[in-house]
Amino acid sequence: MHPRKAITALTLACAMVATPIVAATPATAASAKPNLRACYDGKCKFTFTRAVNFRVSSRYYGFTRVYVSKEYMGGMFNQDMVVVRAPGMTSSLGEGARGEFRYGKKRTLNFRVLSITDRGATIRFEG
């Protein structure tokens, strides 16, 4: 066998042996995707690392979807903030801040930013 073919075959064999080990490694709880279906009633707590959105009861709140993201706010703030959006409403909050959305005479959707880190943020929706 040619030396280059032997090295290539050996490299492929090592990669094939190592792949199942890496694939079988369980994901950590921190990287687990939050269960956003629990937020339908407006009461939930979750940590996110990417922008997320979830459905809420339009019968209770007058709108059907809420969008949550972590964004850097330059200018006056110069810090990461959590941005919560619903149709026609936007709120930018720092760590520990509270916000609320109300549409007409429907229920108020209250929320609070519990923490903001380099990796993501934790928010609680209180209904």
C-alpha atoms as a PDB file:
ATOM      1  CA  MET A   1       0.000   0.000   0.000  1.00  0.00           C
ATOM      2  CA  HIS A   2       1.256   3.452  -0.865  1.00  0.00           C
ATOM      3  CA  PRO A   3       2.299   5.514   2.222  1.00  0.00           C
ATOM      4  CA  ARG A   4      -0.194   8.322   1.440  1.00  0.00           C
ATOM      5  CA  LYS A   5      -3.055   5.846   1.143  1.00  0.00           C
ATOM      6  CA  ALA A   6      -2.032   4.236   4.437  1.00  0.00           C
ATOM      7  CA  ILE A   7      -2.019   7.582   6.240  1.00  0.00           C
ATOM      8  CA  THR A   8      -5.400   8.523   4.737  1.00  0.00           C
ATOM      9  CA  ALA A   9      -6.892   5.163   5.706  1.00  0.00           C
ATOM     10  CA  LEU A  10      -5.514   5.460   9.224  1.00  0.00           C
ATOM     11  CA  THR A  11      -6.902   8.997   9.577  1.00  0.00           C
ATOM     12  CA  LEU A  12     -10.351   7.904   8.395  1.00  0.00           C
ATOM     13  CA  ALA A  13     -10.328   4.908  10.736  1.00  0.00           C
ATOM     14  CA  CYS A  14      -9.476   7.127  13.704  1.00  0.00           C
ATOM     15  CA  ALA A  15     -12.205   9.615  12.763  1.00  0.00           C
ATOM     16  CA  MET A  16     -14.799   6.855  12.467  1.00  0.00           C
ATOM     17  CA  VAL A  17     -13.854   5.445  15.867  1.00  0.00           C
ATOM     18  CA  ALA A  18     -13.956   8.868  17.582  1.00  0.00           C
ATOM     19  CA  THR A  19     -17.237  10.054  16.019  1.00  0.00           C
ATOM     20  CA  PRO A  20     -19.627   7.817  18.022  1.00  0.00           C
ATOM     21  CA  ILE A  21     -17.993   8.931  21.264  1.00  0.00           C
ATOM     22  CA  VAL A  22     -18.530  12.592  20.472  1.00  0.00           C
ATOM     23  CA  ALA A  23     -22.078  12.040  19.229  1.00  0.00           C
ATOM     24  CA  ALA A  24     -23.019  10.029  22.311  1.00  0.00           C
ATOM     25  CA  THR A  25     -21.957  12.765  24.725  1.00  0.00           C
ATOM     26  CA  PRO A  26     -25.114  14.150  26.389  1.00  0.00           C
ATOM     27  CA  ALA A  27     -25.861  17.850  26.050  1.00  0.00           C
ATOM     28  CA  THR A  28     -25.656  19.929  29.196  1.00  0.00           C
ATOM     29  CA  ALA A  29     -28.753  21.434  30.784  1.00  0.00           C
ATOM     30  CA  ALA A  30     -27.512  24.925  29.956  1.00  0.00           C
ATOM     31  CA  SER A  31     -27.543  24.212  26.247  1.00  0.00           C
ATOM     32  CA  ALA A  32     -30.942  22.522  26.342  1.00  0.00           C
ATOM     33  CA  LYS A  33     -33.649  24.283  24.387  1.00  0.00           C
ATOM     34  CA  PRO A  34     -36.259  25.892  26.667  1.00  0.00           C
ATOM     35  CA  ASN A  35     -39.808  24.492  26.573  1.00  0.00           C
ATOM     36  CA  LEU A  36     -41.679  27.542  25.342  1.00  0.00           C
ATOM     37  CA  ARG A  37     -45.045  25.803  25.051  1.00  0.00           C
ATOM     38  CA  ALA A  38     -45.352  26.272  28.806  1.00  0.00           C
ATOM     39  CA  CYS A  39     -45.486  30.027  28.152  1.00  0.00           C
ATOM     40  CA  TYR A  40     -48.861  29.929  26.404  1.00  0.00           C
ATOM     41  CA  ASP A  41     -50.641  31.063  29.574  1.00  0.00           C
ATOM     42  CA  GLY A  42     -48.088  33.874  30.066  1.00  0.00           C
ATOM     43  CA  LYS A  43     -46.415  32.239  33.072  1.00  0.00           C
ATOM     44  CA  CYS A  44     -42.968  30.736  32.563  1.00  0.00           C
ATOM     45  CA  LYS A  45     -39.263  31.178  33.219  1.00  0.00           C
ATOM     46  CA  PHE A  46     -36.499  30.281  30.790  1.00  0.00           C
ATOM     47  CA  THR A  47     -32.887  30.932  29.840  1.00  0.00           C
ATOM     48  CA  PHE A  48     -32.104  31.637  26.205  1.00  0.00           C
ATOM     49  CA  THR A  49     -28.914  32.026  24.196  1.00  0.00           C
ATOM     50  CA  ARG A  50     -30.560  32.947  20.879  1.00  0.00           C
ATOM     51  CA  ALA A  51     -33.601  34.974  19.955  1.00  0.00           C
ATOM     52  CA  VAL A  52     -36.797  33.010  20.645  1.00  0.00           C
ATOM     53  CA  ASN A  53     -40.496  33.488  20.130  1.00  0.00           C
ATOM     54  CA  PHE A  54     -43.534  31.775  21.541  1.00  0.00           C
ATOM     55  CA  ARG A  55     -47.296  31.838  21.344  1.00  0.00           C
ATOM     56  CA  VAL A  56     -49.539  33.306  24.018  1.00  0.00           C
ATOM     57  CA  SER A  57     -53.292  33.156  24.386  1.00  0.00           C
ATOM     58  CA  SER A  58     -54.904  35.877  22.291  1.00  0.00           C
ATOM     59  CA  ARG A  59     -58.063  35.451  24.356  1.00  0.00           C
ATOM     60  CA  TYR A  60     -56.181  36.549  27.484  1.00  0.00           C
ATOM     61  CA  TYR A  61     -53.679  39.060  26.102  1.00  0.00           C
ATOM     62  CA  GLY A  62     -55.041  40.300  22.769  1.00  0.00           C
ATOM     63  CA  PHE A  63     -51.931  39.248  20.800  1.00  0.00           C
ATOM     64  CA  THR A  64     -50.632  35.839  19.809  1.00  0.00           C
ATOM     65  CA  ARG A  65     -46.845  35.932  19.740  1.00  0.00           C
ATOM     66  CA  VAL A  66     -44.001  37.285  21.903  1.00  0.00           C
ATOM     67  CA  TYR A  67     -40.403  37.673  20.673  1.00  0.00           C
ATOM     68  CA  VAL A  68     -37.471  37.745  23.117  1.00  0.00           C
ATOM     69  CA  SER A  69     -33.826  38.500  22.296  1.00  0.00           C
ATOM     70  CA  LYS A  70     -30.634  39.787  23.863  1.00  0.00           C
ATOM     71  CA  GLU A  71     -29.168  42.781  22.060  1.00  0.00           C
ATOM     72  CA  TYR A  72     -26.321  45.187  22.650  1.00  0.00           C
ATOM     73  CA  MET A  73     -27.608  48.717  23.149  1.00  0.00           C
ATOM     74  CA  GLY A  74     -24.947  51.275  22.299  1.00  0.00           C
ATOM     75  CA  GLY A  75     -25.093  55.011  22.770  1.00  0.00           C
ATOM     76  CA  MET A  76     -26.425  55.960  26.161  1.00  0.00           C
ATOM     77  CA  PHE A  77     -26.591  52.409  27.591  1.00  0.00           C
ATOM     78  CA  ASN A  78     -23.507  50.579  26.241  1.00  0.00           C
ATOM     79  CA  GLN A  79     -24.654  47.215  27.587  1.00  0.00           C
ATOM     80  CA  ASP A  80     -26.534  44.051  26.693  1.00  0.00           C
ATOM     81  CA  MET A  81     -30.276  44.281  27.246  1.00  0.00           C
ATOM     82  CA  VAL A  82     -33.207  41.943  26.788  1.00  0.00           C
ATOM     83  CA  VAL A  83     -35.666  43.100  24.147  1.00  0.00           C
ATOM     84  CA  VAL A  84     -39.239  41.812  24.392  1.00  0.00           C
ATOM     85  CA  ARG A  85     -41.542  42.443  21.439  1.00  0.00           C
ATOM     86  CA  ALA A  86     -45.175  41.821  20.653  1.00  0.00           C
ATOM     87  CA  PRO A  87     -47.223  43.266  17.773  1.00  0.00           C
ATOM     88  CA  GLY A  88     -47.119  47.045  18.237  1.00  0.00           C
ATOM     89  CA  MET A  89     -45.125  46.883  21.504  1.00  0.00           C
ATOM     90  CA  THR A  90     -41.397  46.796  22.338  1.00  0.00           C
ATOM     91  CA  SER A  91     -39.573  46.906  25.664  1.00  0.00           C
ATOM     92  CA  SER A  92     -35.786  46.979  26.233  1.00  0.00           C
ATOM     93  CA  LEU A  93     -34.810  45.932  29.750  1.00  0.00           C
ATOM     94  CA  GLY A  94     -31.609  45.682  31.754  1.00  0.00           C
ATOM     95  CA  GLU A  95     -30.919  43.097  34.427  1.00  0.00           C
ATOM     96  CA  GLY A  96     -33.509  43.164  37.217  1.00  0.00           C
ATOM     97  CA  ALA A  97     -35.935  45.392  35.296  1.00  0.00           C
ATOM     98  CA  ARG A  98     -39.650  44.724  34.956  1.00  0.00           C
ATOM     99  CA  GLY A  99     -41.902  45.348  32.001  1.00  0.00           C
ATOM    100  CA  GLU A 100     -45.473  44.825  30.936  1.00  0.00           C
ATOM    101  CA  PHE A 101     -47.570  44.666  27.798  1.00  0.00           C
ATOM    102  CA  ARG A 102     -51.273  45.401  27.742  1.00  0.00           C
ATOM    103  CA  TYR A 103     -53.550  45.443  24.733  1.00  0.00           C
ATOM    104  CA  GLY A 104     -56.885  47.199  25.216  1.00  0.00           C
ATOM    105  CA  LYS A 105     -58.807  45.900  28.207  1.00  0.00           C
ATOM    106  CA  LYS A 106     -57.209  42.454  28.104  1.00  0.00           C
ATOM    107  CA  ARG A 107     -54.928  41.020  30.791  1.00  0.00           C
ATOM    108  CA  THR A 108     -51.476  42.495  31.348  1.00  0.00           C
ATOM    109  CA  LEU A 109     -48.453  40.350  30.446  1.00  0.00           C
ATOM    110  CA  ASN A 110     -45.802  41.103  33.092  1.00  0.00           C
ATOM    111  CA  PHE A 111     -42.177  40.057  32.756  1.00  0.00           C
ATOM    112  CA  ARG A 112     -38.872  40.479  34.575  1.00  0.00           C
ATOM    113  CA  VAL A 113     -35.270  40.035  33.447  1.00  0.00           C
ATOM    114  CA  LEU A 114     -33.569  37.888  36.096  1.00  0.00           C
ATOM    115  CA  SER A 115     -30.033  37.864  34.683  1.00  0.00           C
ATOM    116  CA  ILE A 116     -27.982  38.772  31.638  1.00  0.00           C
ATOM    117  CA  THR A 117     -24.678  37.009  30.935  1.00  0.00           C
ATOM    118  CA  ASP A 118     -22.235  36.842  28.047  1.00  0.00           C
ATOM    119  CA  ARG A 119     -23.909  33.633  26.877  1.00  0.00           C
ATOM    120  CA  GLY A 120     -27.576  34.619  27.192  1.00  0.00           C
ATOM    121  CA  ALA A 121     -30.242  35.812  29.589  1.00  0.00           C
ATOM    122  CA  THR A 122     -32.932  34.514  31.930  1.00  0.00           C
ATOM    123  CA  ILE A 123     -36.428  35.999  31.930  1.00  0.00           C
ATOM    124  CA  ARG A 124     -39.609  35.273  33.867  1.00  0.00           C
ATOM    125  CA  PHE A 125     -43.071  35.916  32.482  1.00  0.00           C
ATOM    126  CA  GLU A 126     -45.533  36.375  35.331  1.00  0.00           C
ATOM    127  CA  GLY A 127     -48.816  36.463  33.418  1.00  0.00           C
END
